[in-house]
Structure formats: C-alpha cells, structure tokens
N, C-alpha and C. Protein backbone atom coordinates (compact mmCIF):
# COMPACT_ATOMS: atom_id res chain seq x y z
N MET A 1 7.36 33.21 81.43
CA MET A 1 8.58 32.94 82.52
C MET A 1 8.02 34.37 83.48
N PRO A 2 8.00 34.45 84.97
CA PRO A 2 7.75 35.27 86.03
C PRO A 2 8.64 36.30 85.85
N VAL A 3 8.21 37.66 86.31
CA VAL A 3 9.27 38.56 86.34
C VAL A 3 9.92 38.51 87.63
N ALA A 4 10.78 39.27 87.91
CA ALA A 4 11.53 39.56 89.01
C ALA A 4 10.83 40.46 90.15
N SER A 5 10.61 40.05 91.29
CA SER A 5 10.28 40.90 92.29
C SER A 5 11.10 41.08 93.94
N VAL A 6 10.85 41.98 94.52
CA VAL A 6 11.51 42.10 95.80
C VAL A 6 11.75 41.06 96.38
N GLY A 7 13.07 40.64 96.83
CA GLY A 7 13.46 39.53 97.53
C GLY A 7 14.38 38.60 96.72
N ASP A 8 14.03 38.61 95.25
CA ASP A 8 14.67 37.67 94.34
C ASP A 8 16.04 38.06 94.25
N ALA A 9 16.91 37.21 94.39
CA ALA A 9 18.58 37.40 94.02
C ALA A 9 18.96 36.23 93.20
N ALA A 10 20.07 36.39 92.41
CA ALA A 10 20.57 35.65 91.80
C ALA A 10 22.43 35.50 91.95
N THR A 11 22.92 34.45 91.61
CA THR A 11 24.60 34.59 91.53
C THR A 11 25.01 34.08 90.31
N ALA A 12 26.40 34.49 89.90
CA ALA A 12 27.20 34.00 89.30
C ALA A 12 28.55 34.17 89.52
N THR A 13 29.29 33.07 88.86
CA THR A 13 30.56 33.16 89.78
C THR A 13 31.57 33.12 88.16
N LEU A 14 32.86 33.48 88.35
CA LEU A 14 33.81 33.31 87.29
C LEU A 14 34.90 33.01 87.91
N SER A 15 36.05 32.13 87.77
CA SER A 15 37.59 32.38 87.87
C SER A 15 38.11 32.78 87.08
N VAL A 16 38.97 33.72 87.40
CA VAL A 16 39.75 34.57 86.60
C VAL A 16 41.45 34.21 87.19
N ASP A 17 41.90 33.78 85.68
CA ASP A 17 43.27 33.76 85.56
C ASP A 17 43.65 34.56 84.40
N GLN A 18 45.17 34.59 84.23
CA GLN A 18 45.69 35.61 83.35
C GLN A 18 45.05 35.59 82.06
N SER A 19 44.73 34.15 81.49
CA SER A 19 44.02 34.07 80.13
C SER A 19 43.05 34.55 80.03
N THR A 20 41.93 34.69 81.23
CA THR A 20 40.59 35.41 81.03
C THR A 20 40.79 36.86 80.84
N ILE A 21 41.99 37.55 81.54
CA ILE A 21 42.14 38.98 81.49
C ILE A 21 42.72 39.29 80.09
N ASP A 22 43.56 38.27 79.40
CA ASP A 22 43.89 38.54 78.14
C ASP A 22 42.93 38.43 77.03
N GLN A 23 41.89 37.61 77.43
CA GLN A 23 40.92 37.43 76.56
C GLN A 23 39.96 38.70 76.59
N TYR A 24 39.61 39.26 77.82
CA TYR A 24 38.99 40.42 77.95
C TYR A 24 39.54 41.45 77.36
N ALA A 25 41.04 41.64 77.28
CA ALA A 25 41.93 42.83 76.89
C ALA A 25 41.53 42.77 75.14
N ALA A 26 41.65 41.42 74.67
CA ALA A 26 41.60 41.23 73.23
C ALA A 26 40.15 41.74 72.64
N LEU A 27 39.26 41.28 73.50
CA LEU A 27 37.69 41.46 73.18
C LEU A 27 37.31 43.06 73.30
N THR A 28 37.82 43.73 74.23
CA THR A 28 37.50 45.16 74.40
C THR A 28 38.49 46.48 73.93
N GLY A 29 39.77 45.64 73.59
CA GLY A 29 40.72 46.61 73.14
C GLY A 29 41.52 47.50 74.38
N ASP A 30 41.22 46.94 75.50
CA ASP A 30 41.59 47.59 76.74
C ASP A 30 43.15 47.42 76.94
N ASP A 31 44.26 47.32 76.64
CA ASP A 31 45.59 46.98 76.74
C ASP A 31 46.39 47.38 77.83
N ASN A 32 46.06 47.71 78.84
CA ASN A 32 46.58 48.65 79.83
C ASN A 32 47.40 47.61 80.62
N PRO A 33 48.95 48.01 80.64
CA PRO A 33 49.72 46.93 81.16
C PRO A 33 49.76 46.74 82.73
N LEU A 34 48.80 47.31 83.36
CA LEU A 34 48.69 47.00 84.59
C LEU A 34 47.75 45.53 84.43
N HIS A 35 47.19 45.36 83.35
CA HIS A 35 46.28 44.28 83.42
C HIS A 35 47.11 42.93 82.48
N LEU A 36 48.10 43.55 81.88
CA LEU A 36 48.91 42.37 80.75
C LEU A 36 50.37 42.03 81.01
N ASP A 37 50.76 43.01 81.87
CA ASP A 37 52.20 43.03 81.60
C ASP A 37 52.54 43.05 83.09
N ALA A 38 53.07 41.42 83.38
CA ALA A 38 53.46 41.25 84.99
C ALA A 38 54.56 42.10 85.48
N GLU A 39 55.39 42.29 84.68
CA GLU A 39 56.67 43.19 85.06
C GLU A 39 56.33 44.69 85.06
N TYR A 40 55.77 45.35 84.19
CA TYR A 40 54.95 46.63 84.26
C TYR A 40 54.40 46.73 85.71
N ALA A 41 53.08 45.80 85.67
CA ALA A 41 52.36 45.92 86.88
C ALA A 41 52.94 45.72 88.21
N ALA A 42 54.48 44.91 88.38
CA ALA A 42 54.58 44.58 89.55
C ALA A 42 55.41 45.99 90.28
N ASP A 43 55.73 46.91 89.43
CA ASP A 43 56.06 48.28 90.10
C ASP A 43 54.80 49.01 90.35
N GLY A 44 53.63 48.72 90.01
CA GLY A 44 52.42 49.62 90.19
C GLY A 44 52.07 49.33 91.54
N MET A 45 51.01 50.33 91.61
CA MET A 45 50.23 50.44 93.27
C MET A 45 49.46 49.04 93.61
N PHE A 46 49.43 48.06 92.71
CA PHE A 46 48.94 46.73 93.06
C PHE A 46 49.61 45.62 93.10
N GLY A 47 51.13 45.92 92.82
CA GLY A 47 52.04 44.95 93.10
C GLY A 47 52.15 43.98 92.09
N GLY A 48 51.23 43.85 91.12
CA GLY A 48 51.22 42.80 90.12
C GLY A 48 49.82 43.08 89.07
N PRO A 49 49.84 42.22 88.19
CA PRO A 49 48.49 42.15 87.36
C PRO A 49 47.27 42.29 88.20
N ILE A 50 46.40 43.16 87.69
CA ILE A 50 44.81 42.80 88.31
C ILE A 50 44.10 43.02 86.76
N ALA A 51 42.76 42.32 87.21
CA ALA A 51 41.74 41.90 86.07
C ALA A 51 41.26 43.40 85.86
N HIS A 52 40.69 43.65 85.03
CA HIS A 52 39.93 44.73 84.30
C HIS A 52 38.71 45.11 85.22
N GLY A 53 38.51 46.31 85.92
CA GLY A 53 37.23 46.22 86.62
C GLY A 53 36.00 46.05 85.83
N MET A 54 35.86 46.24 84.77
CA MET A 54 34.64 46.21 83.85
C MET A 54 34.74 44.54 83.76
N LEU A 55 35.47 43.90 83.61
CA LEU A 55 35.44 42.33 83.67
C LEU A 55 34.63 41.92 84.77
N THR A 56 35.00 42.32 86.04
CA THR A 56 34.29 42.08 87.26
C THR A 56 32.90 42.44 86.96
N ALA A 57 32.36 43.48 86.52
CA ALA A 57 31.41 43.94 86.49
C ALA A 57 30.56 42.92 85.52
N GLY A 58 31.07 42.59 84.70
CA GLY A 58 30.55 41.54 83.80
C GLY A 58 30.07 40.34 84.40
N VAL A 59 30.39 39.88 85.90
CA VAL A 59 30.05 38.78 86.58
C VAL A 59 28.65 39.27 87.57
N ILE A 60 28.48 40.78 87.59
CA ILE A 60 27.24 41.15 88.14
C ILE A 60 26.13 41.13 87.20
N SER A 61 26.83 41.60 85.98
CA SER A 61 25.86 41.29 84.62
C SER A 61 25.05 39.74 84.44
N ALA A 62 25.99 38.63 84.71
CA ALA A 62 25.69 37.54 84.72
C ALA A 62 24.48 37.00 85.85
N ALA A 63 25.11 37.57 86.93
CA ALA A 63 23.98 37.22 88.20
C ALA A 63 22.72 38.05 87.61
N MET A 64 22.68 39.12 87.34
CA MET A 64 21.47 39.84 86.69
C MET A 64 20.66 39.18 85.68
N ALA A 65 21.43 38.30 84.71
CA ALA A 65 20.94 37.46 83.79
C ALA A 65 19.99 36.49 84.46
N ASP A 66 20.38 36.16 85.62
CA ASP A 66 19.65 34.83 86.11
C ASP A 66 18.35 35.21 87.06
N LEU A 67 18.36 36.49 87.38
CA LEU A 67 16.78 36.84 87.84
C LEU A 67 15.69 36.19 86.91
N PRO A 68 14.76 36.20 87.37
CA PRO A 68 13.43 35.79 86.82
C PRO A 68 12.90 36.79 85.75
N GLY A 69 12.50 36.36 84.74
CA GLY A 69 11.97 37.39 83.60
C GLY A 69 13.06 37.81 82.80
N ASP A 70 12.59 38.60 81.94
CA ASP A 70 13.82 39.36 80.86
C ASP A 70 14.10 40.30 81.60
N VAL A 71 15.52 40.58 82.28
CA VAL A 71 16.16 41.83 82.48
C VAL A 71 16.61 42.52 81.95
N ILE A 72 16.68 44.00 81.83
CA ILE A 72 17.19 44.56 80.71
C ILE A 72 17.52 45.96 81.89
N TYR A 73 19.18 45.94 81.62
CA TYR A 73 19.68 47.32 82.49
C TYR A 73 19.22 48.73 82.09
N ARG A 74 18.71 49.36 82.78
CA ARG A 74 18.65 51.07 82.74
C ARG A 74 19.38 51.78 83.32
N SER A 75 20.04 51.33 84.36
CA SER A 75 21.72 52.15 84.94
C SER A 75 22.34 51.00 85.74
N GLN A 76 23.52 51.22 86.03
CA GLN A 76 24.49 50.55 87.12
C GLN A 76 25.28 51.62 87.95
N GLU A 77 25.57 51.48 89.09
CA GLU A 77 26.45 52.63 89.72
C GLU A 77 27.45 51.28 90.49
N LEU A 78 28.42 51.92 89.96
CA LEU A 78 29.53 50.78 90.54
C LEU A 78 30.89 51.11 91.36
N ARG A 79 30.95 50.78 92.68
CA ARG A 79 32.12 51.23 93.65
C ARG A 79 33.21 50.07 93.42
N PHE A 80 34.33 50.47 92.87
CA PHE A 80 35.09 49.35 92.86
C PHE A 80 36.22 49.27 94.30
N GLU A 81 36.10 48.37 94.97
CA GLU A 81 36.65 48.23 96.68
C GLU A 81 37.68 47.64 96.50
N ALA A 82 38.31 46.81 95.79
CA ALA A 82 39.46 45.97 95.99
C ALA A 82 39.78 45.19 94.44
N PRO A 83 41.18 45.37 94.33
CA PRO A 83 41.65 44.62 92.97
C PRO A 83 40.86 43.03 92.72
N VAL A 84 40.43 42.65 91.66
CA VAL A 84 40.49 41.04 91.43
C VAL A 84 42.01 40.92 90.74
N ARG A 85 42.61 39.50 91.37
CA ARG A 85 43.99 39.30 90.57
C ARG A 85 43.70 37.97 90.17
N PRO A 86 44.97 37.34 89.15
CA PRO A 86 44.72 36.47 88.62
C PRO A 86 44.54 34.97 89.58
N GLY A 87 43.76 34.27 89.61
CA GLY A 87 43.82 33.11 90.46
C GLY A 87 42.54 33.52 91.17
N ASP A 88 42.06 34.58 91.56
CA ASP A 88 40.82 34.93 92.03
C ASP A 88 39.43 34.09 91.72
N THR A 89 38.70 33.96 91.95
CA THR A 89 37.16 33.43 91.75
C THR A 89 36.20 34.57 92.64
N VAL A 90 35.48 35.06 91.36
CA VAL A 90 34.58 36.13 91.53
C VAL A 90 33.41 35.57 91.87
N THR A 91 32.37 36.07 93.00
CA THR A 91 31.04 35.51 93.00
C THR A 91 30.39 36.70 92.93
N ALA A 92 29.33 37.09 92.03
CA ALA A 92 28.60 38.12 91.92
C ALA A 92 27.17 37.97 92.62
N THR A 93 26.33 38.67 93.28
CA THR A 93 24.93 38.85 93.94
C THR A 93 24.27 39.94 93.42
N ALA A 94 23.07 39.66 92.90
CA ALA A 94 22.25 40.60 92.49
C ALA A 94 20.94 40.47 93.34
N GLU A 95 20.49 41.37 94.35
CA GLU A 95 19.29 41.18 94.81
C GLU A 95 18.26 42.33 94.66
N VAL A 96 17.00 42.13 94.39
CA VAL A 96 15.99 42.97 94.21
C VAL A 96 15.59 43.39 95.38
N THR A 97 15.52 44.88 95.63
CA THR A 97 15.42 45.53 96.99
C THR A 97 14.12 46.67 96.86
N GLU A 98 13.73 46.87 95.66
CA GLU A 98 12.67 47.81 95.75
C GLU A 98 11.95 47.70 94.44
N ALA A 99 10.66 47.92 94.23
CA ALA A 99 9.77 48.07 92.99
C ALA A 99 9.77 49.34 92.95
N LEU A 100 10.35 49.78 91.84
CA LEU A 100 9.87 51.10 91.25
C LEU A 100 8.92 51.88 90.72
N GLY A 101 7.90 50.79 90.34
CA GLY A 101 7.03 51.14 89.55
C GLY A 101 6.84 50.81 88.04
N GLY A 102 5.96 50.13 87.52
CA GLY A 102 5.69 50.12 86.12
C GLY A 102 6.71 48.64 86.11
N ASP A 103 7.40 48.47 85.20
CA ASP A 103 8.30 47.43 85.34
C ASP A 103 9.87 47.79 85.91
N GLN A 104 10.18 48.78 86.65
CA GLN A 104 11.70 48.94 86.76
C GLN A 104 11.75 48.59 88.45
N LEU A 105 12.94 47.81 88.69
CA LEU A 105 13.51 47.37 89.94
C LEU A 105 14.28 48.05 90.56
N ALA A 106 14.80 47.92 91.55
CA ALA A 106 16.08 48.70 92.40
C ALA A 106 16.73 47.34 92.62
N VAL A 107 18.14 47.12 92.70
CA VAL A 107 18.87 46.28 92.70
C VAL A 107 19.99 46.57 93.18
N GLU A 108 20.37 45.45 94.29
CA GLU A 108 21.56 45.70 94.97
C GLU A 108 22.54 44.80 94.55
N THR A 109 23.81 45.15 94.04
CA THR A 109 24.71 44.38 93.72
C THR A 109 26.16 44.41 94.36
N THR A 110 26.56 43.33 94.67
CA THR A 110 27.94 43.05 94.92
C THR A 110 29.03 41.76 94.21
N ALA A 111 30.24 41.97 94.34
CA ALA A 111 30.80 40.71 93.91
C ALA A 111 31.98 40.75 94.94
N GLU A 112 32.47 39.62 95.33
CA GLU A 112 33.35 38.92 96.15
C GLU A 112 34.30 38.22 95.53
N THR A 113 35.66 38.37 96.51
CA THR A 113 36.49 37.08 95.93
C THR A 113 36.32 36.52 97.58
N ALA A 114 37.12 35.06 97.60
CA ALA A 114 37.17 34.27 98.91
C ALA A 114 37.47 35.36 100.19
N THR A 115 38.07 36.14 99.68
CA THR A 115 38.62 37.18 101.18
C THR A 115 38.24 38.51 101.05
N GLU A 116 37.43 39.29 99.87
CA GLU A 116 37.17 40.52 100.17
C GLU A 116 36.13 40.83 99.33
N THR A 117 35.28 42.00 99.59
CA THR A 117 34.25 42.24 98.50
C THR A 117 34.97 43.35 97.71
N VAL A 118 34.96 43.21 96.51
CA VAL A 118 35.68 43.61 95.28
C VAL A 118 34.89 44.83 94.60
N VAL A 119 33.53 44.72 94.42
CA VAL A 119 32.46 45.90 94.03
C VAL A 119 31.41 45.84 94.47
N THR A 120 30.85 46.76 94.92
CA THR A 120 29.54 47.34 95.29
C THR A 120 28.95 47.97 94.40
N GLY A 121 27.51 48.09 94.51
CA GLY A 121 26.91 49.00 93.73
C GLY A 121 25.19 48.75 93.75
N ASP A 122 24.68 49.49 92.96
CA ASP A 122 23.25 49.91 92.88
C ASP A 122 22.83 49.85 91.07
N ALA A 123 21.84 48.95 90.90
CA ALA A 123 21.22 49.27 89.55
C ALA A 123 19.77 49.49 89.34
N VAL A 124 19.41 49.76 88.09
CA VAL A 124 17.93 49.91 87.94
C VAL A 124 17.70 48.96 86.74
N VAL A 125 16.80 48.29 86.76
CA VAL A 125 16.48 47.35 85.72
C VAL A 125 15.16 47.26 85.37
N LEU A 126 14.64 46.79 84.10
CA LEU A 126 13.40 46.52 83.66
C LEU A 126 13.40 45.12 83.86
N SER A 127 12.14 44.50 84.50
CA SER A 127 12.16 43.06 84.36
C SER A 127 10.78 42.78 83.53
N ILE A 128 10.64 42.06 82.48
CA ILE A 128 9.64 42.01 81.82
C ILE A 128 9.25 40.59 81.64
N GLU A 129 7.94 40.13 81.50
CA GLU A 129 7.35 38.78 81.64
C GLU A 129 7.80 38.59 80.01
N HIS A 130 8.31 37.13 79.51
CA HIS A 130 8.82 36.75 78.07
C HIS A 130 7.39 35.90 77.71
N ASP A 131 7.19 36.54 76.74
CA ASP A 131 5.98 35.61 75.96
C ASP A 131 6.71 34.71 75.26
N ALA A 132 6.34 33.28 75.66
CA ALA A 132 7.05 32.40 74.83
C ALA A 132 6.24 32.22 73.45
C-alpha cells in the first residue's frame, strides 16, 4: 500500500444522536451532565445537550485512517469552533498539506455539520508503507 503524500485527502462521517453520546460517555467515563442530562444542559450556555468534543475529534481520526499507508498520529491541535448536537451529522476531512521530511506529514483537519464548521486543526502524522 503506498504512503500518503501532499494533496491526498480523506473524509469520514458520523451521525450523532443521544445514544452515540451516551455510548461515548460510557466508554470514556466522561459523564459531564452537559452531554447526558437534557434538563441540566437546557440551562447551560448551549441550551441543550452537546456531544463531547473528543467524540467529534474521533471522526477526524477516522478520516485520517482512510489516508494511504499506515497513518500514525504524532500530534494534533484542535480548535473547537461550535458544538455538535444530537441529530447532527459530522463530516471530517484530513488533507495532507506538507511533507515534513522522513515519513512525517502535515495534515489540515476539519469537521463540519450541515450548517457550520465545528472543529479545525492541524496534525503531524507518520505515513508508513505497509509490508503485506
């Protein structure tokens, strides 16, 4: 399998509902009531429950996994621009923007719902050829 190179891009999509959020909370132990308690969240700054930011970041990771080669994270900077709510579908894109030398690549990452960009960021990854 070839390795990723400048210009390569991949996407991943996840439909988020309250069940998805509940499962993420159970998996990670993050039981913040802004994610899990609709009554509590209704009085908060978002006016209702929102998905965990790292759940959304996971969709970016899924896009990264669809780039050519074995892609391994070295670092990821995330900027949370807007909340993801139950009922949203998140589409994440990872685009290789620069070869950094060796097996390292710079990747621009974004996640969007149908109405807005929810996460932006930049990553450094290794892209290694997989010997079958």
